[in-house]
């Protein structure tokens, strides 16, 4: 039988590859293109290469010729507990390199690693009986809802890990800024906020809002931003003057007493 014309990058088993994503895409293509059950093992074999193909060929014939068994063997080999633990350790040690990695690129790296460290759960297949009764339809709906709930819960937990690792990898000054966001902020919102703060720091590299800081702003900054910074500086100068006057007054009173 001719194989369907699909686009799926073969899985070779390299560390940078994600077995869970590959398996999910493989199953989706098989379902969409209606690959016959008798051809599914061949279809899987055609989309393996290098180390993954060698591992597949080393499996017992009974496993190689049973689609679900072959997938389980590959899954255990390429995303088993030991492999997952390695990805968790790598995720925990991610650090952003200032000047060489943007928040957007760094977030993509973390998300990719997190999908391997905290993969989607294996959900039981929900098959409907042929009778088509209302009770059977209700059962199928309940089981599908349970699967959806488990999947969403796992993805929410992964999103939490992504946010935690993203925050921990930021410089201290930037992490403090990001902690001001609400608890329900998404990883993408943390990333966008990090980008804004980094841009502002590049435009005004000093830590204090001083005339020197205003002068260091790039010419492309809008007049509104420059004016706002000048006003902040003027306000600060007035406050400093007022504090000095009050301090002198207190010193004078203490001397009189």
C-alpha atoms as a PDB file:
ATOM      1  CA  UNK A   1       0.000   0.000   0.000  1.00  0.00           C
ATOM      2  CA  UNK A   2       1.310   3.473  -0.893  1.00  0.00           C
ATOM      3  CA  UNK A   3       2.129   5.592   2.105  1.00  0.00           C
ATOM      4  CA  UNK A   4       0.211   8.878   2.585  1.00  0.00           C
ATOM      5  CA  UNK A   5       1.998  12.033   1.481  1.00  0.00           C
ATOM      6  CA  UNK A   6       2.733  13.643   4.862  1.00  0.00           C
ATOM      7  CA  UNK A   7       5.408  15.881   6.273  1.00  0.00           C
ATOM      8  CA  UNK A   8       6.882  14.498   9.474  1.00  0.00           C
ATOM      9  CA  UNK A   9      10.555  14.921  10.329  1.00  0.00           C
ATOM     10  CA  UNK A  10      12.012  11.489  11.101  1.00  0.00           C
ATOM     11  CA  UNK A  11      12.994  10.876  14.704  1.00  0.00           C
ATOM     12  CA  UNK A  12      16.665   9.969  15.183  1.00  0.00           C
ATOM     13  CA  UNK A  13      16.893   9.855  18.978  1.00  0.00           C
ATOM     14  CA  UNK A  14      19.177  12.857  19.476  1.00  0.00           C
ATOM     15  CA  UNK A  15      19.100  14.579  22.850  1.00  0.00           C
ATOM     16  CA  UNK A  16      17.663  17.776  21.369  1.00  0.00           C
ATOM     17  CA  UNK A  17      14.667  15.898  19.924  1.00  0.00           C
ATOM     18  CA  UNK A  18      11.382  15.504  21.764  1.00  0.00           C
ATOM     19  CA  UNK A  19       9.871  12.043  21.641  1.00  0.00           C
ATOM     20  CA  UNK A  20       6.525  13.137  23.096  1.00  0.00           C
ATOM     21  CA  UNK A  21       6.031  15.717  20.357  1.00  0.00           C
ATOM     22  CA  UNK A  22       7.051  13.230  17.683  1.00  0.00           C
ATOM     23  CA  UNK A  23       4.668  10.550  18.960  1.00  0.00           C
ATOM     24  CA  UNK A  24       1.810  13.033  19.188  1.00  0.00           C
ATOM     25  CA  UNK A  25       2.367  14.190  15.596  1.00  0.00           C
ATOM     26  CA  UNK A  26       2.747  10.615  14.389  1.00  0.00           C
ATOM     27  CA  UNK A  27      -0.556   9.536  15.946  1.00  0.00           C
ATOM     28  CA  UNK A  28      -2.334  12.613  14.588  1.00  0.00           C
ATOM     29  CA  UNK A  29      -1.106  11.980  11.040  1.00  0.00           C
ATOM     30  CA  UNK A  30      -2.077   8.327  11.225  1.00  0.00           C
ATOM     31  CA  UNK A  31      -5.561   9.299  12.376  1.00  0.00           C
ATOM     32  CA  UNK A  32      -6.038  12.078   9.800  1.00  0.00           C
ATOM     33  CA  UNK A  33      -4.693  10.103   6.847  1.00  0.00           C
ATOM     34  CA  UNK A  34      -6.385   6.829   7.897  1.00  0.00           C
ATOM     35  CA  UNK A  35      -3.271   4.686   7.800  1.00  0.00           C
ATOM     36  CA  UNK A  36      -4.479   1.104   7.998  1.00  0.00           C
ATOM     37  CA  UNK A  37      -3.637  -0.794  11.195  1.00  0.00           C
ATOM     38  CA  UNK A  38      -1.608  -3.316   9.204  1.00  0.00           C
ATOM     39  CA  UNK A  39       0.582  -0.492   7.835  1.00  0.00           C
ATOM     40  CA  UNK A  40       1.121   1.507  11.013  1.00  0.00           C
ATOM     41  CA  UNK A  41       4.337  -0.258  12.055  1.00  0.00           C
ATOM     42  CA  UNK A  42       5.819   0.295   8.588  1.00  0.00           C
ATOM     43  CA  UNK A  43       4.719   3.915   8.750  1.00  0.00           C
ATOM     44  CA  UNK A  44       6.478   4.281  12.098  1.00  0.00           C
ATOM     45  CA  UNK A  45       9.619   2.613  10.751  1.00  0.00           C
ATOM     46  CA  UNK A  46       9.707   4.982   7.766  1.00  0.00           C
ATOM     47  CA  UNK A  47       9.836   7.924  10.175  1.00  0.00           C
ATOM     48  CA  UNK A  48      12.742   6.661  12.270  1.00  0.00           C
ATOM     49  CA  UNK A  49      16.420   7.077  11.420  1.00  0.00           C
ATOM     50  CA  UNK A  50      19.924   6.685  12.806  1.00  0.00           C
ATOM     51  CA  UNK A  51      19.966   5.572  16.456  1.00  0.00           C
ATOM     52  CA  UNK A  52      16.182   5.409  16.786  1.00  0.00           C
ATOM     53  CA  UNK A  53      15.876   3.168  13.723  1.00  0.00           C
ATOM     54  CA  UNK A  54      18.660   0.895  14.986  1.00  0.00           C
ATOM     55  CA  UNK A  55      16.909   0.618  18.353  1.00  0.00           C
ATOM     56  CA  UNK A  56      13.607  -0.189  16.634  1.00  0.00           C
ATOM     57  CA  UNK A  57      15.248  -2.926  14.533  1.00  0.00           C
ATOM     58  CA  UNK A  58      16.811  -4.408  17.663  1.00  0.00           C
ATOM     59  CA  UNK A  59      13.404  -5.010  19.237  1.00  0.00           C
ATOM     60  CA  UNK A  60      11.880  -8.491  19.170  1.00  0.00           C
ATOM     61  CA  UNK A  61       9.792  -9.143  16.072  1.00  0.00           C
ATOM     62  CA  UNK A  62       6.626  -9.434  18.134  1.00  0.00           C
ATOM     63  CA  UNK A  63       7.194  -5.879  19.432  1.00  0.00           C
ATOM     64  CA  UNK A  64       8.241  -4.426  16.059  1.00  0.00           C
ATOM     65  CA  UNK A  65       5.089  -5.745  14.400  1.00  0.00           C
ATOM     66  CA  UNK A  66       2.679  -4.476  17.068  1.00  0.00           C
ATOM     67  CA  UNK A  67       2.216  -0.732  16.763  1.00  0.00           C
ATOM     68  CA  UNK A  68       1.364   0.113  20.377  1.00  0.00           C
ATOM     69  CA  UNK A  69       4.066  -2.186  21.745  1.00  0.00           C
ATOM     70  CA  UNK A  70       6.667  -0.629  19.454  1.00  0.00           C
ATOM     71  CA  UNK A  71       5.630   2.869  20.519  1.00  0.00           C
ATOM     72  CA  UNK A  72       5.782   1.881  24.181  1.00  0.00           C
ATOM     73  CA  UNK A  73       9.301   0.494  23.757  1.00  0.00           C
ATOM     74  CA  UNK A  74      10.467   3.645  21.982  1.00  0.00           C
ATOM     75  CA  UNK A  75       8.741   5.870  24.541  1.00  0.00           C
ATOM     76  CA  UNK A  76      10.376   4.051  27.439  1.00  0.00           C
ATOM     77  CA  UNK A  77      13.773   4.284  25.769  1.00  0.00           C
ATOM     78  CA  UNK A  78      13.589   7.949  24.754  1.00  0.00           C
ATOM     79  CA  UNK A  79      11.362   9.484  27.426  1.00  0.00           C
ATOM     80  CA  UNK A  80      11.537   7.087  30.363  1.00  0.00           C
ATOM     81  CA  UNK A  81      11.997   8.223  33.983  1.00  0.00           C
ATOM     82  CA  UNK A  82      15.791   8.452  33.706  1.00  0.00           C
ATOM     83  CA  UNK A  83      15.615  10.545  30.542  1.00  0.00           C
ATOM     84  CA  UNK A  84      12.939  12.768  32.047  1.00  0.00           C
ATOM     85  CA  UNK A  85      15.090  13.265  35.150  1.00  0.00           C
ATOM     86  CA  UNK A  86      17.977  14.435  32.962  1.00  0.00           C
ATOM     87  CA  UNK A  87      15.720  16.963  31.254  1.00  0.00           C
ATOM     88  CA  UNK A  88      14.485  18.186  34.650  1.00  0.00           C
ATOM     89  CA  UNK A  89      18.092  18.765  35.766  1.00  0.00           C
ATOM     90  CA  UNK A  90      18.890  20.595  32.531  1.00  0.00           C
ATOM     91  CA  UNK A  91      15.810  22.757  32.932  1.00  0.00           C
ATOM     92  CA  UNK A  92      16.781  23.650  36.486  1.00  0.00           C
ATOM     93  CA  UNK A  93      20.210  24.819  35.319  1.00  0.00           C
ATOM     94  CA  UNK A  94      19.132  27.012  32.410  1.00  0.00           C
ATOM     95  CA  UNK A  95      20.578  30.508  32.610  1.00  0.00           C
ATOM     96  CA  UNK A  96      20.098  33.428  30.278  1.00  0.00           C
ATOM     97  CA  UNK A  97      23.280  34.881  28.758  1.00  0.00           C
ATOM     98  CA  UNK A  98      23.061  38.704  28.864  1.00  0.00           C
ATOM     99  CA  UNK A  99      23.601  40.239  25.461  1.00  0.00           C
ATOM    100  CA  UNK A 100      23.536  36.882  23.678  1.00  0.00           C
ATOM    101  CA  UNK A 101      20.027  35.609  24.305  1.00  0.00           C
ATOM    102  CA  UNK A 102      16.769  37.536  24.130  1.00  0.00           C
ATOM    103  CA  UNK A 103      13.918  36.802  26.566  1.00  0.00           C
ATOM    104  CA  UNK A 104      11.889  35.459  23.624  1.00  0.00           C
ATOM    105  CA  UNK A 105      14.596  32.992  22.560  1.00  0.00           C
ATOM    106  CA  UNK A 106      15.229  31.989  26.163  1.00  0.00           C
ATOM    107  CA  UNK A 107      11.522  31.327  26.761  1.00  0.00           C
ATOM    108  CA  UNK A 108      11.381  29.059  23.699  1.00  0.00           C
ATOM    109  CA  UNK A 109      14.388  27.116  25.049  1.00  0.00           C
ATOM    110  CA  UNK A 110      12.733  26.679  28.440  1.00  0.00           C
ATOM    111  CA  UNK A 111       9.395  25.664  26.934  1.00  0.00           C
ATOM    112  CA  UNK A 112      11.057  23.065  24.728  1.00  0.00           C
ATOM    113  CA  UNK A 113      13.007  21.618  27.641  1.00  0.00           C
ATOM    114  CA  UNK A 114       9.938  21.706  29.903  1.00  0.00           C
ATOM    115  CA  UNK A 115       7.915  19.699  27.386  1.00  0.00           C
ATOM    116  CA  UNK A 116      10.507  16.933  27.800  1.00  0.00           C
ATOM    117  CA  UNK A 117      10.931  17.312  31.545  1.00  0.00           C
ATOM    118  CA  UNK A 118       7.172  17.475  32.154  1.00  0.00           C
ATOM    119  CA  UNK A 119       5.580  15.715  29.147  1.00  0.00           C
ATOM    120  CA  UNK A 120       1.871  15.392  28.525  1.00  0.00           C
ATOM    121  CA  UNK A 121       0.404  12.340  30.290  1.00  0.00           C
ATOM    122  CA  UNK A 122      -0.439   9.210  28.351  1.00  0.00           C
ATOM    123  CA  UNK A 123      -4.212   9.258  28.148  1.00  0.00           C
ATOM    124  CA  UNK A 124      -6.382   6.171  27.631  1.00  0.00           C
ATOM    125  CA  UNK A 125      -8.044   5.905  24.245  1.00  0.00           C
ATOM    126  CA  UNK A 126     -11.790   6.501  24.402  1.00  0.00           C
ATOM    127  CA  UNK A 127     -13.625   4.156  22.046  1.00  0.00           C
ATOM    128  CA  UNK A 128     -17.356   4.310  21.536  1.00  0.00           C
ATOM    129  CA  UNK A 129     -19.396   1.133  21.262  1.00  0.00           C
ATOM    130  CA  UNK A 130     -21.276   0.471  18.050  1.00  0.00           C
ATOM    131  CA  UNK A 131     -24.746   0.560  19.643  1.00  0.00           C
ATOM    132  CA  UNK A 132     -24.813   4.390  19.725  1.00  0.00           C
ATOM    133  CA  UNK A 133     -27.136   4.601  22.739  1.00  0.00           C
ATOM    134  CA  UNK A 134     -27.520   7.741  24.834  1.00  0.00           C
ATOM    135  CA  UNK A 135     -25.872   6.014  27.787  1.00  0.00           C
ATOM    136  CA  UNK A 136     -22.879   5.095  25.647  1.00  0.00           C
ATOM    137  CA  UNK A 137     -22.587   8.646  24.323  1.00  0.00           C
ATOM    138  CA  UNK A 138     -22.684   9.962  27.898  1.00  0.00           C
ATOM    139  CA  UNK A 139     -19.931   7.543  28.935  1.00  0.00           C
ATOM    140  CA  UNK A 140     -17.727   8.615  26.049  1.00  0.00           C
ATOM    141  CA  UNK A 141     -18.320  12.281  26.890  1.00  0.00           C
ATOM    142  CA  UNK A 142     -17.368  11.683  30.548  1.00  0.00           C
ATOM    143  CA  UNK A 143     -14.167   9.829  29.668  1.00  0.00           C
ATOM    144  CA  UNK A 144     -13.154  12.447  27.108  1.00  0.00           C
ATOM    145  CA  UNK A 145     -13.829  15.197  29.664  1.00  0.00           C
ATOM    146  CA  UNK A 146     -11.648  13.338  32.180  1.00  0.00           C
ATOM    147  CA  UNK A 147      -8.849  13.083  29.631  1.00  0.00           C
ATOM    148  CA  UNK A 148      -9.147  16.786  28.825  1.00  0.00           C
ATOM    149  CA  UNK A 149      -9.005  17.664  32.515  1.00  0.00           C
ATOM    150  CA  UNK A 150      -5.886  15.538  33.085  1.00  0.00           C
ATOM    151  CA  UNK A 151      -4.193  17.038  30.041  1.00  0.00           C
ATOM    152  CA  UNK A 152      -5.013  20.615  31.052  1.00  0.00           C
ATOM    153  CA  UNK A 153      -3.841  19.985  34.608  1.00  0.00           C
ATOM    154  CA  UNK A 154      -0.506  18.661  33.334  1.00  0.00           C
ATOM    155  CA  UNK A 155      -0.075  21.645  31.019  1.00  0.00           C
ATOM    156  CA  UNK A 156      -0.895  24.096  33.800  1.00  0.00           C
ATOM    157  CA  UNK A 157       1.743  22.423  35.978  1.00  0.00           C
ATOM    158  CA  UNK A 158       4.252  22.675  33.120  1.00  0.00           C
ATOM    159  CA  UNK A 159       3.432  26.361  32.621  1.00  0.00           C
ATOM    160  CA  UNK A 160       4.140  26.921  36.318  1.00  0.00           C
ATOM    161  CA  UNK A 161       7.552  25.266  35.965  1.00  0.00           C
ATOM    162  CA  UNK A 162       8.326  27.367  32.882  1.00  0.00           C
ATOM    163  CA  UNK A 163       7.493  30.593  34.747  1.00  0.00           C
ATOM    164  CA  UNK A 164       9.508  29.519  37.788  1.00  0.00           C
ATOM    165  CA  UNK A 165      12.592  28.658  35.733  1.00  0.00           C
ATOM    166  CA  UNK A 166      12.255  31.796  33.619  1.00  0.00           C
ATOM    167  CA  UNK A 167      12.144  33.987  36.728  1.00  0.00           C
ATOM    168  CA  UNK A 168      15.022  32.217  38.452  1.00  0.00           C
ATOM    169  CA  UNK A 169      17.260  32.655  35.411  1.00  0.00           C
ATOM    170  CA  UNK A 170      16.779  36.425  35.263  1.00  0.00           C
ATOM    171  CA  UNK A 171      19.261  38.898  36.818  1.00  0.00           C
ATOM    172  CA  UNK A 172      18.276  39.957  40.337  1.00  0.00           C
ATOM    173  CA  UNK A 173      17.228  43.495  39.368  1.00  0.00           C
ATOM    174  CA  UNK A 174      14.992  42.164  36.584  1.00  0.00           C
ATOM    175  CA  UNK A 175      13.538  39.382  38.704  1.00  0.00           C
ATOM    176  CA  UNK A 176      12.380  41.955  41.263  1.00  0.00           C
ATOM    177  CA  UNK A 177      10.620  43.860  38.482  1.00  0.00           C
ATOM    178  CA  UNK A 178       8.890  40.709  37.230  1.00  0.00           C
ATOM    179  CA  UNK A 179       7.698  39.796  40.723  1.00  0.00           C
ATOM    180  CA  UNK A 180       5.435  42.854  40.479  1.00  0.00           C
ATOM    181  CA  UNK A 181       3.277  41.042  37.908  1.00  0.00           C
ATOM    182  CA  UNK A 182       0.118  39.274  39.163  1.00  0.00           C
ATOM    183  CA  UNK A 183       0.359  35.617  40.153  1.00  0.00           C
ATOM    184  CA  UNK A 184      -1.792  34.548  37.209  1.00  0.00           C
ATOM    185  CA  UNK A 185       0.474  36.188  34.632  1.00  0.00           C
ATOM    186  CA  UNK A 186       1.498  33.794  31.863  1.00  0.00           C
ATOM    187  CA  UNK A 187       5.037  32.909  30.845  1.00  0.00           C
ATOM    188  CA  UNK A 188       4.523  34.979  27.702  1.00  0.00           C
ATOM    189  CA  UNK A 189       3.532  37.999  29.816  1.00  0.00           C
ATOM    190  CA  UNK A 190       6.673  37.544  31.946  1.00  0.00           C
ATOM    191  CA  UNK A 191       8.695  37.432  28.728  1.00  0.00           C
ATOM    192  CA  UNK A 192       7.094  40.604  27.348  1.00  0.00           C
ATOM    193  CA  UNK A 193       7.667  42.447  30.622  1.00  0.00           C
ATOM    194  CA  UNK A 194      11.302  41.318  30.697  1.00  0.00           C
ATOM    195  CA  UNK A 195      11.789  42.633  27.177  1.00  0.00           C
ATOM    196  CA  UNK A 196      10.321  46.042  28.107  1.00  0.00           C
ATOM    197  CA  UNK A 197      12.549  46.406  31.173  1.00  0.00           C
ATOM    198  CA  UNK A 198      15.653  45.383  29.215  1.00  0.00           C
ATOM    199  CA  UNK A 199      14.873  47.908  26.484  1.00  0.00           C
ATOM    200  CA  UNK A 200      14.445  50.667  29.068  1.00  0.00           C
ATOM    201  CA  UNK A 201      17.683  49.681  30.759  1.00  0.00           C
ATOM    202  CA  UNK A 202      19.484  49.840  27.399  1.00  0.00           C
ATOM    203  CA  UNK A 203      18.009  53.257  26.728  1.00  0.00           C
ATOM    204  CA  UNK A 204      18.878  54.516  30.201  1.00  0.00           C
ATOM    205  CA  UNK A 205      21.715  52.330  31.510  1.00  0.00           C
ATOM    206  CA  UNK A 206      22.262  54.066  34.888  1.00  0.00           C
ATOM    207  CA  UNK A 207      20.458  52.879  37.996  1.00  0.00           C
ATOM    208  CA  UNK A 208      19.282  56.345  39.042  1.00  0.00           C
ATOM    209  CA  UNK A 209      16.947  58.769  37.291  1.00  0.00           C
ATOM    210  CA  UNK A 210      19.492  61.593  36.961  1.00  0.00           C
ATOM    211  CA  UNK A 211      20.242  64.211  34.299  1.00  0.00           C
ATOM    212  CA  UNK A 212      23.084  61.945  33.176  1.00  0.00           C
ATOM    213  CA  UNK A 213      20.627  59.113  32.729  1.00  0.00           C
ATOM    214  CA  UNK A 214      18.409  61.325  30.581  1.00  0.00           C
ATOM    215  CA  UNK A 215      21.372  62.337  28.441  1.00  0.00           C
ATOM    216  CA  UNK A 216      22.228  58.687  27.799  1.00  0.00           C
ATOM    217  CA  UNK A 217      18.846  57.939  26.266  1.00  0.00           C
ATOM    218  CA  UNK A 218      19.069  57.047  22.589  1.00  0.00           C
ATOM    219  CA  UNK A 219      17.932  59.735  20.113  1.00  0.00           C
ATOM    220  CA  UNK A 220      15.142  57.477  18.868  1.00  0.00           C
ATOM    221  CA  UNK A 221      13.279  57.666  22.200  1.00  0.00           C
ATOM    222  CA  UNK A 222      10.087  59.688  21.987  1.00  0.00           C
ATOM    223  CA  UNK A 223       9.951  63.221  23.428  1.00  0.00           C
ATOM    224  CA  UNK A 224       7.229  62.080  25.820  1.00  0.00           C
ATOM    225  CA  UNK A 225       9.555  59.625  27.517  1.00  0.00           C
ATOM    226  CA  UNK A 226      12.349  62.190  27.766  1.00  0.00           C
ATOM    227  CA  UNK A 227       9.988  64.804  29.218  1.00  0.00           C
ATOM    228  CA  UNK A 228       8.681  62.284  31.731  1.00  0.00           C
ATOM    229  CA  UNK A 229      12.194  61.482  32.890  1.00  0.00           C
ATOM    230  CA  UNK A 230      13.043  65.192  33.210  1.00  0.00           C
ATOM    231  CA  UNK A 231       9.940  65.757  35.334  1.00  0.00           C
ATOM    232  CA  UNK A 232      10.855  62.839  37.558  1.00  0.00           C
ATOM    233  CA  UNK A 233      14.322  64.298  37.998  1.00  0.00           C
ATOM    234  CA  UNK A 234      12.928  67.770  38.818  1.00  0.00           C
ATOM    235  CA  UNK A 235      10.572  66.264  41.365  1.00  0.00           C
ATOM    236  CA  UNK A 236      13.442  64.363  42.955  1.00  0.00           C
ATOM    237  CA  UNK A 237      15.537  67.536  43.181  1.00  0.00           C
ATOM    238  CA  UNK A 238      12.676  69.400  44.875  1.00  0.00           C
ATOM    239  CA  UNK A 239      12.280  66.581  47.379  1.00  0.00           C
ATOM    240  CA  UNK A 240      16.020  66.592  48.099  1.00  0.00           C
ATOM    241  CA  UNK A 241      15.942  70.360  48.639  1.00  0.00           C
ATOM    242  CA  UNK A 242      12.954  70.097  50.967  1.00  0.00           C
ATOM    243  CA  UNK A 243      14.579  67.315  52.973  1.00  0.00           C
ATOM    244  CA  UNK A 244      17.749  69.389  53.327  1.00  0.00           C
ATOM    245  CA  UNK A 245      15.744  72.392  54.559  1.00  0.00           C
ATOM    246  CA  UNK A 246      13.909  70.286  57.132  1.00  0.00           C
ATOM    247  CA  UNK A 247      17.190  68.744  58.306  1.00  0.00           C
ATOM    248  CA  UNK A 248      18.720  72.202  58.797  1.00  0.00           C
ATOM    249  CA  UNK A 249      15.650  73.314  60.712  1.00  0.00           C
ATOM    250  CA  UNK A 250      15.819  70.312  63.030  1.00  0.00           C
ATOM    251  CA  UNK A 251      19.561  70.908  63.627  1.00  0.00           C
ATOM    252  CA  UNK A 252      18.879  74.556  64.443  1.00  0.00           C
ATOM    253  CA  UNK A 253      16.158  73.638  66.952  1.00  0.00           C
ATOM    254  CA  UNK A 254      18.411  71.092  68.633  1.00  0.00           C
ATOM    255  CA  UNK A 255      21.182  73.691  69.015  1.00  0.00           C
ATOM    256  CA  UNK A 256      18.769  76.182  70.566  1.00  0.00           C
ATOM    257  CA  UNK A 257      17.620  73.573  73.061  1.00  0.00           C
END
